[in-house]
Amino acid sequence: MADDPNPDSTDVGDDASSDAERKGADLGGFIREQRRLAELSVRRLAELAGVSNPYLSQIERGLRRPSAEILQQIANALHISSESLYVRAGILDADRGPDPTDLETAIRRAGELSEEQRKALLQVYRSFVVTDD
């Protein structure tokens, strides 16, 4: 029965696909959150990352699993480390060290800062952080 074409059957393969769907949704949600924090539309981020608008939308909704190359393009467009996206996509282990986007996210969320102050602080922070993107 290993060739059971019934998509409603439950077996170990379904657990694996559920895991993949969950990671895709987590990744997509994270990308959407970073895009919103960067105050970018889906269309603008797609343009900056060199992907189509519908494809980026599908990634954000967890319907598509992008390649490492596409993740790097998205990370570059968002000015975050590609490593943080690789971890969320399950390409890298989370134990590789601190995630620099945690600080960037905190800076973007800091309501007590003006938009100009957030941009300046992010620029200064990035000038001190060496990434291998």
N, C-alpha and C. Protein backbone atom coordinates (compact mmCIF):
# COMPACT_ATOMS: atom_id res chain seq x y z
N MET A 1 0.80 -1.19 0.00
CA MET A 1 0.00 0.00 0.00
C MET A 1 0.85 1.26 0.00
N ALA A 2 2.15 1.13 -0.22
CA ALA A 2 3.03 2.29 -0.23
C ALA A 2 2.70 3.22 -1.38
N ASP A 3 2.06 2.71 -2.42
CA ASP A 3 1.72 3.52 -3.57
C ASP A 3 0.29 4.05 -3.49
N ASP A 4 -0.25 4.17 -2.30
CA ASP A 4 -1.62 4.63 -2.11
C ASP A 4 -1.78 6.04 -2.66
N PRO A 5 -2.57 6.22 -3.70
CA PRO A 5 -2.73 7.55 -4.31
C PRO A 5 -3.68 8.44 -3.53
N ASN A 6 -4.30 7.93 -2.47
CA ASN A 6 -5.26 8.70 -1.70
C ASN A 6 -4.55 9.77 -0.90
N PRO A 7 -4.76 11.07 -1.23
CA PRO A 7 -4.07 12.15 -0.53
C PRO A 7 -4.57 12.33 0.89
N ASP A 8 -5.69 11.70 1.25
CA ASP A 8 -6.22 11.84 2.60
C ASP A 8 -5.67 10.81 3.56
N SER A 9 -4.91 9.85 3.05
CA SER A 9 -4.37 8.82 3.94
C SER A 9 -3.31 9.44 4.83
N THR A 10 -3.18 8.89 6.03
CA THR A 10 -2.19 9.40 6.97
C THR A 10 -1.10 8.36 7.16
N ASP A 11 0.10 8.77 6.93
CA ASP A 11 1.27 7.94 7.18
C ASP A 11 2.44 8.84 7.51
N VAL A 12 3.62 8.27 7.61
CA VAL A 12 4.80 9.05 7.98
C VAL A 12 5.07 10.16 6.98
N GLY A 13 4.83 9.94 5.72
CA GLY A 13 5.03 10.95 4.69
C GLY A 13 4.19 12.18 4.94
N ASP A 14 2.96 11.97 5.44
CA ASP A 14 2.09 13.12 5.74
C ASP A 14 2.67 13.96 6.86
N ASP A 15 3.27 13.30 7.87
CA ASP A 15 3.90 14.05 8.95
C ASP A 15 5.04 14.91 8.40
N ALA A 16 5.80 14.36 7.48
CA ALA A 16 6.90 15.11 6.89
C ALA A 16 6.38 16.28 6.08
N SER A 17 5.31 16.07 5.32
CA SER A 17 4.77 17.18 4.54
C SER A 17 4.15 18.22 5.45
N SER A 18 3.56 17.82 6.56
CA SER A 18 3.02 18.77 7.53
C SER A 18 4.14 19.62 8.11
N ASP A 19 5.26 18.99 8.39
CA ASP A 19 6.43 19.72 8.89
C ASP A 19 6.89 20.75 7.86
N ALA A 20 6.94 20.33 6.60
CA ALA A 20 7.37 21.24 5.54
C ALA A 20 6.40 22.40 5.39
N GLU A 21 5.11 22.10 5.47
CA GLU A 21 4.11 23.17 5.37
C GLU A 21 4.25 24.15 6.52
N ARG A 22 4.49 23.63 7.73
CA ARG A 22 4.63 24.48 8.91
C ARG A 22 5.86 25.38 8.77
N LYS A 23 6.98 24.82 8.31
CA LYS A 23 8.18 25.62 8.11
C LYS A 23 7.96 26.68 7.04
N GLY A 24 7.26 26.30 5.96
CA GLY A 24 6.97 27.25 4.90
C GLY A 24 6.14 28.41 5.39
N ALA A 25 5.14 28.10 6.23
CA ALA A 25 4.28 29.15 6.78
C ALA A 25 5.07 30.03 7.74
N ASP A 26 5.93 29.41 8.57
CA ASP A 26 6.76 30.19 9.49
C ASP A 26 7.70 31.11 8.72
N LEU A 27 8.32 30.58 7.69
CA LEU A 27 9.22 31.37 6.86
C LEU A 27 8.47 32.50 6.19
N GLY A 28 7.34 32.18 5.59
CA GLY A 28 6.55 33.19 4.90
C GLY A 28 6.08 34.29 5.85
N GLY A 29 5.63 33.89 7.03
CA GLY A 29 5.20 34.87 8.03
C GLY A 29 6.35 35.77 8.46
N PHE A 30 7.52 35.19 8.61
CA PHE A 30 8.70 35.97 9.00
C PHE A 30 9.06 36.97 7.90
N ILE A 31 9.04 36.51 6.65
CA ILE A 31 9.35 37.41 5.53
C ILE A 31 8.32 38.53 5.48
N ARG A 32 7.04 38.19 5.64
CA ARG A 32 5.98 39.20 5.63
C ARG A 32 6.20 40.23 6.75
N GLU A 33 6.54 39.75 7.95
CA GLU A 33 6.78 40.65 9.07
C GLU A 33 7.96 41.58 8.79
N GLN A 34 9.04 41.03 8.26
CA GLN A 34 10.22 41.84 7.95
C GLN A 34 9.90 42.87 6.85
N ARG A 35 9.10 42.45 5.88
CA ARG A 35 8.70 43.36 4.80
C ARG A 35 7.88 44.51 5.35
N ARG A 36 6.96 44.20 6.23
CA ARG A 36 6.12 45.24 6.82
C ARG A 36 6.93 46.17 7.71
N LEU A 37 7.86 45.60 8.48
CA LEU A 37 8.72 46.43 9.32
C LEU A 37 9.60 47.36 8.48
N ALA A 38 9.98 46.87 7.29
CA ALA A 38 10.78 47.69 6.38
C ALA A 38 9.91 48.65 5.58
N GLU A 39 8.60 48.57 5.81
CA GLU A 39 7.63 49.43 5.12
C GLU A 39 7.71 49.30 3.61
N LEU A 40 7.73 48.04 3.16
CA LEU A 40 7.77 47.73 1.74
C LEU A 40 6.50 47.01 1.34
N SER A 41 5.98 47.31 0.17
CA SER A 41 4.86 46.57 -0.38
C SER A 41 5.38 45.25 -0.94
N VAL A 42 4.48 44.32 -1.17
CA VAL A 42 4.87 43.05 -1.79
C VAL A 42 5.50 43.33 -3.15
N ARG A 43 4.88 44.22 -3.88
CA ARG A 43 5.38 44.56 -5.22
C ARG A 43 6.80 45.12 -5.16
N ARG A 44 7.05 46.03 -4.22
CA ARG A 44 8.38 46.65 -4.11
C ARG A 44 9.43 45.64 -3.68
N LEU A 45 9.11 44.79 -2.69
CA LEU A 45 10.07 43.78 -2.26
C LEU A 45 10.36 42.81 -3.40
N ALA A 46 9.33 42.41 -4.12
CA ALA A 46 9.53 41.50 -5.26
C ALA A 46 10.48 42.12 -6.27
N GLU A 47 10.28 43.40 -6.53
CA GLU A 47 11.14 44.11 -7.47
C GLU A 47 12.58 44.15 -6.98
N LEU A 48 12.77 44.49 -5.70
CA LEU A 48 14.12 44.57 -5.12
C LEU A 48 14.81 43.21 -5.09
N ALA A 49 14.02 42.15 -4.87
CA ALA A 49 14.58 40.80 -4.76
C ALA A 49 14.73 40.12 -6.11
N GLY A 50 14.14 40.70 -7.15
CA GLY A 50 14.25 40.10 -8.48
C GLY A 50 13.38 38.88 -8.66
N VAL A 51 12.22 38.86 -7.98
CA VAL A 51 11.27 37.76 -8.14
C VAL A 51 9.92 38.36 -8.54
N SER A 52 9.02 37.52 -9.01
CA SER A 52 7.72 38.04 -9.41
C SER A 52 6.85 38.31 -8.18
N ASN A 53 5.97 39.24 -8.34
CA ASN A 53 5.03 39.61 -7.28
C ASN A 53 4.19 38.40 -6.82
N PRO A 54 3.59 37.62 -7.75
CA PRO A 54 2.81 36.45 -7.32
C PRO A 54 3.66 35.40 -6.59
N TYR A 55 4.89 35.21 -7.04
CA TYR A 55 5.76 34.22 -6.39
C TYR A 55 6.07 34.64 -4.96
N LEU A 56 6.39 35.91 -4.74
CA LEU A 56 6.67 36.39 -3.39
C LEU A 56 5.42 36.25 -2.51
N SER A 57 4.29 36.56 -3.06
CA SER A 57 3.03 36.42 -2.32
C SER A 57 2.81 34.97 -1.89
N GLN A 58 3.11 34.03 -2.78
CA GLN A 58 2.96 32.61 -2.46
C GLN A 58 3.96 32.18 -1.39
N ILE A 59 5.16 32.74 -1.42
CA ILE A 59 6.15 32.44 -0.39
C ILE A 59 5.63 32.92 0.96
N GLU A 60 5.14 34.15 1.00
CA GLU A 60 4.64 34.71 2.25
C GLU A 60 3.47 33.92 2.82
N ARG A 61 2.66 33.34 1.96
CA ARG A 61 1.51 32.56 2.41
C ARG A 61 1.89 31.11 2.70
N GLY A 62 3.15 30.75 2.52
CA GLY A 62 3.60 29.39 2.81
C GLY A 62 3.26 28.38 1.74
N LEU A 63 2.90 28.85 0.55
CA LEU A 63 2.52 27.95 -0.55
C LEU A 63 3.71 27.50 -1.38
N ARG A 64 4.79 28.25 -1.33
CA ARG A 64 6.01 27.93 -2.08
C ARG A 64 7.19 27.88 -1.13
N ARG A 65 8.14 27.00 -1.44
CA ARG A 65 9.39 26.92 -0.69
C ARG A 65 10.51 27.39 -1.60
N PRO A 66 11.01 28.59 -1.36
CA PRO A 66 12.04 29.14 -2.25
C PRO A 66 13.40 28.47 -2.07
N SER A 67 14.19 28.54 -3.10
CA SER A 67 15.55 28.01 -3.05
C SER A 67 16.42 28.91 -2.18
N ALA A 68 17.60 28.41 -1.83
CA ALA A 68 18.54 29.20 -1.04
C ALA A 68 18.92 30.49 -1.78
N GLU A 69 19.04 30.41 -3.09
CA GLU A 69 19.39 31.59 -3.88
C GLU A 69 18.30 32.66 -3.79
N ILE A 70 17.04 32.26 -3.90
CA ILE A 70 15.93 33.21 -3.79
C ILE A 70 15.87 33.78 -2.38
N LEU A 71 16.10 32.94 -1.37
CA LEU A 71 16.12 33.43 0.01
C LEU A 71 17.19 34.49 0.20
N GLN A 72 18.36 34.27 -0.42
CA GLN A 72 19.43 35.25 -0.32
C GLN A 72 19.03 36.57 -0.99
N GLN A 73 18.37 36.49 -2.13
CA GLN A 73 17.91 37.70 -2.81
C GLN A 73 16.90 38.46 -1.95
N ILE A 74 15.99 37.73 -1.32
CA ILE A 74 15.00 38.36 -0.44
C ILE A 74 15.69 38.97 0.77
N ALA A 75 16.62 38.24 1.36
CA ALA A 75 17.35 38.76 2.53
C ALA A 75 18.11 40.03 2.17
N ASN A 76 18.76 40.05 1.03
CA ASN A 76 19.48 41.25 0.60
C ASN A 76 18.54 42.42 0.42
N ALA A 77 17.38 42.17 -0.17
CA ALA A 77 16.40 43.24 -0.40
C ALA A 77 15.85 43.78 0.92
N LEU A 78 15.75 42.90 1.94
CA LEU A 78 15.24 43.31 3.25
C LEU A 78 16.35 43.83 4.17
N HIS A 79 17.59 43.71 3.74
CA HIS A 79 18.75 44.09 4.55
C HIS A 79 18.80 43.29 5.84
N ILE A 80 18.58 41.98 5.71
CA ILE A 80 18.73 41.07 6.84
C ILE A 80 19.69 39.97 6.40
N SER A 81 20.15 39.17 7.35
CA SER A 81 21.09 38.11 6.97
C SER A 81 20.35 36.96 6.29
N SER A 82 20.95 36.44 5.26
CA SER A 82 20.34 35.30 4.58
C SER A 82 20.33 34.10 5.51
N GLU A 83 21.29 34.04 6.42
CA GLU A 83 21.35 32.94 7.38
C GLU A 83 20.06 32.84 8.20
N SER A 84 19.49 33.99 8.57
CA SER A 84 18.26 33.95 9.35
C SER A 84 17.12 33.32 8.56
N LEU A 85 17.09 33.55 7.26
CA LEU A 85 16.06 32.93 6.42
C LEU A 85 16.37 31.45 6.20
N TYR A 86 17.65 31.10 6.06
CA TYR A 86 18.02 29.71 5.89
C TYR A 86 17.61 28.88 7.11
N VAL A 87 17.78 29.45 8.30
CA VAL A 87 17.40 28.76 9.54
C VAL A 87 15.89 28.54 9.54
N ARG A 88 15.14 29.58 9.23
CA ARG A 88 13.67 29.46 9.23
C ARG A 88 13.17 28.50 8.17
N ALA A 89 13.91 28.38 7.07
CA ALA A 89 13.52 27.47 6.00
C ALA A 89 13.98 26.04 6.28
N GLY A 90 14.79 25.85 7.33
CA GLY A 90 15.28 24.52 7.65
C GLY A 90 16.51 24.12 6.87
N ILE A 91 17.14 25.09 6.21
CA ILE A 91 18.36 24.80 5.44
C ILE A 91 19.57 24.74 6.37
N LEU A 92 19.58 25.59 7.40
CA LEU A 92 20.66 25.62 8.39
C LEU A 92 20.11 25.31 9.77
N ASP A 93 20.98 24.81 10.65
CA ASP A 93 20.60 24.60 12.04
C ASP A 93 20.55 25.93 12.76
N ALA A 94 19.64 26.04 13.71
CA ALA A 94 19.48 27.28 14.48
C ALA A 94 20.64 27.52 15.43
N ASP A 95 21.47 26.50 15.68
CA ASP A 95 22.57 26.61 16.64
C ASP A 95 23.82 27.25 16.07
N ARG A 96 23.70 27.98 14.98
CA ARG A 96 24.87 28.57 14.33
C ARG A 96 25.29 29.90 14.92
N GLY A 97 24.60 30.38 15.94
CA GLY A 97 25.00 31.64 16.56
C GLY A 97 23.84 32.61 16.64
N PRO A 98 24.13 33.81 17.13
CA PRO A 98 23.06 34.80 17.30
C PRO A 98 22.53 35.28 15.96
N ASP A 99 21.27 35.63 15.97
CA ASP A 99 20.61 36.11 14.76
C ASP A 99 20.63 37.64 14.77
N PRO A 100 21.40 38.26 13.86
CA PRO A 100 21.49 39.71 13.87
C PRO A 100 20.17 40.40 13.56
N THR A 101 19.23 39.67 12.97
CA THR A 101 17.95 40.32 12.66
C THR A 101 17.13 40.56 13.91
N ASP A 102 17.45 39.89 15.03
CA ASP A 102 16.72 40.15 16.26
C ASP A 102 16.89 41.61 16.66
N LEU A 103 18.10 42.12 16.61
CA LEU A 103 18.34 43.52 16.95
C LEU A 103 17.71 44.44 15.91
N GLU A 104 17.84 44.07 14.64
CA GLU A 104 17.24 44.90 13.59
C GLU A 104 15.73 44.97 13.76
N THR A 105 15.12 43.86 14.10
CA THR A 105 13.67 43.84 14.32
C THR A 105 13.31 44.72 15.50
N ALA A 106 14.09 44.64 16.56
CA ALA A 106 13.83 45.48 17.75
C ALA A 106 13.95 46.96 17.40
N ILE A 107 14.94 47.30 16.61
CA ILE A 107 15.11 48.70 16.21
C ILE A 107 13.92 49.15 15.38
N ARG A 108 13.49 48.30 14.44
CA ARG A 108 12.36 48.67 13.59
C ARG A 108 11.06 48.83 14.39
N ARG A 109 10.93 48.06 15.47
CA ARG A 109 9.72 48.11 16.29
C ARG A 109 9.75 49.20 17.35
N ALA A 110 10.89 49.81 17.58
CA ALA A 110 11.04 50.81 18.65
C ALA A 110 10.16 52.02 18.37
N GLY A 111 9.01 52.06 19.01
CA GLY A 111 8.04 53.13 18.80
C GLY A 111 8.52 54.48 19.28
N GLU A 112 9.47 54.50 20.19
CA GLU A 112 9.96 55.76 20.72
C GLU A 112 10.93 56.47 19.76
N LEU A 113 11.33 55.77 18.69
CA LEU A 113 12.23 56.36 17.70
C LEU A 113 11.43 56.86 16.49
N SER A 114 11.90 57.94 15.92
CA SER A 114 11.29 58.41 14.67
C SER A 114 11.79 57.52 13.54
N GLU A 115 11.14 57.61 12.39
CA GLU A 115 11.56 56.82 11.24
C GLU A 115 13.00 57.15 10.84
N GLU A 116 13.36 58.41 10.89
CA GLU A 116 14.73 58.82 10.56
C GLU A 116 15.73 58.24 11.55
N GLN A 117 15.36 58.23 12.83
CA GLN A 117 16.26 57.67 13.84
C GLN A 117 16.42 56.17 13.64
N ARG A 118 15.32 55.46 13.33
CA ARG A 118 15.41 54.02 13.08
C ARG A 118 16.33 53.73 11.90
N LYS A 119 16.16 54.47 10.82
CA LYS A 119 17.00 54.26 9.64
C LYS A 119 18.47 54.53 9.95
N ALA A 120 18.73 55.61 10.69
CA ALA A 120 20.12 55.95 11.03
C ALA A 120 20.73 54.88 11.93
N LEU A 121 19.96 54.41 12.92
CA LEU A 121 20.47 53.39 13.84
C LEU A 121 20.73 52.08 13.10
N LEU A 122 19.83 51.70 12.20
CA LEU A 122 20.04 50.49 11.41
C LEU A 122 21.28 50.61 10.53
N GLN A 123 21.48 51.78 9.96
CA GLN A 123 22.64 52.00 9.10
C GLN A 123 23.94 51.90 9.91
N VAL A 124 23.95 52.50 11.09
CA VAL A 124 25.14 52.42 11.95
C VAL A 124 25.38 50.97 12.37
N TYR A 125 24.32 50.29 12.81
CA TYR A 125 24.46 48.90 13.23
C TYR A 125 25.04 48.04 12.10
N ARG A 126 24.47 48.18 10.91
CA ARG A 126 24.93 47.38 9.77
C ARG A 126 26.37 47.69 9.39
N SER A 127 26.81 48.91 9.64
CA SER A 127 28.20 49.25 9.31
C SER A 127 29.19 48.53 10.21
N PHE A 128 28.72 48.10 11.40
CA PHE A 128 29.57 47.38 12.32
C PHE A 128 29.49 45.87 12.18
N VAL A 129 28.44 45.40 11.55
CA VAL A 129 28.22 43.96 11.43
C VAL A 129 28.75 43.49 10.08
N VAL A 130 29.61 42.53 10.13
CA VAL A 130 30.15 41.97 8.89
C VAL A 130 29.36 40.70 8.60
N THR A 131 28.70 40.67 7.43
CA THR A 131 27.97 39.47 7.03
C THR A 131 28.62 38.88 5.81
N ASP A 132 28.35 37.61 5.60
CA ASP A 132 28.91 36.91 4.42
C ASP A 132 27.87 36.76 3.34
N ASP A 133 26.87 37.65 3.33
CA ASP A 133 25.81 37.60 2.31
C ASP A 133 26.41 37.90 0.99
